[in-house]
Amino acid sequence: MSLVRGLFWLILFVFFTFCFVVLFEYGTHDFSTGFQKEFNRIKTFVTKQVNKTEKK
């Protein structure tokens, strides 16, 4: 049970850290579009890394 709780807190920490970075970069007036841009950037990075490891 403590593993699930620890994983929950880790995911929550990563999510709020991501939100803080987006808020710092784009501000409050452009938060939603900044969130989408950064999420797509991270998604693209992860898919490229996964594809790179599959090719090896």
Protein backbone atom coordinates (compact mmCIF):
# COMPACT_ATOMS: atom_id res chain seq x y z
CA MET A 1 0.00 0.00 0.00
CA SER A 2 2.84 2.38 0.70
CA LEU A 3 4.18 1.77 -2.82
CA VAL A 4 0.87 2.92 -4.30
CA ARG A 5 0.83 5.96 -2.02
CA GLY A 6 4.43 6.81 -2.95
CA LEU A 7 3.68 6.44 -6.64
CA PHE A 8 0.62 8.68 -6.25
CA TRP A 9 2.69 11.41 -4.57
CA LEU A 10 5.40 11.13 -7.22
CA ILE A 11 2.88 11.51 -10.04
CA LEU A 12 1.23 14.42 -8.25
CA PHE A 13 4.61 16.10 -7.75
CA VAL A 14 5.53 15.70 -11.43
CA PHE A 15 2.15 17.08 -12.54
CA PHE A 16 2.34 20.17 -10.33
CA THR A 17 5.97 20.76 -11.28
CA PHE A 18 4.94 20.65 -14.93
CA CYS A 19 2.10 23.10 -14.23
CA PHE A 20 4.49 25.44 -12.39
CA VAL A 21 6.95 25.43 -15.30
CA VAL A 22 4.16 26.15 -17.79
CA LEU A 23 2.82 28.92 -15.58
CA PHE A 24 6.30 30.42 -15.23
CA GLU A 25 6.99 30.27 -18.98
CA TYR A 26 3.61 31.35 -20.38
CA GLY A 27 1.90 33.21 -17.55
CA THR A 28 -1.72 33.09 -16.52
CA HIS A 29 -3.15 34.60 -19.69
CA ASP A 30 -1.71 31.88 -21.97
CA PHE A 31 -1.67 28.90 -19.60
CA SER A 32 -3.96 26.54 -21.51
CA THR A 33 -2.20 26.93 -24.86
CA GLY A 34 1.17 26.73 -23.13
CA PHE A 35 0.08 23.55 -21.36
CA GLN A 36 -0.89 21.99 -24.68
CA LYS A 37 2.35 23.07 -26.37
CA GLU A 38 4.56 21.72 -23.60
CA PHE A 39 2.56 18.50 -23.32
CA ASN A 40 2.93 17.89 -27.06
CA ARG A 41 6.65 18.67 -26.80
CA ILE A 42 7.10 16.13 -24.00
CA LYS A 43 4.97 13.56 -25.83
CA THR A 44 7.09 13.96 -28.98
CA PHE A 45 10.31 13.65 -26.98
CA VAL A 46 9.14 10.46 -25.27
CA THR A 47 7.99 8.84 -28.51
CA LYS A 48 11.32 9.65 -30.18
CA GLN A 49 13.22 8.12 -27.26
CA VAL A 50 11.06 4.98 -27.36
CA ASN A 51 11.52 4.62 -31.10
CA LYS A 52 15.27 5.12 -30.72
CA THR A 53 15.52 2.26 -28.22
CA GLU A 54 13.36 -0.02 -30.38
CA LYS A 55 15.63 0.45 -33.39
CA LYS A 56 18.70 -0.70 -31.45
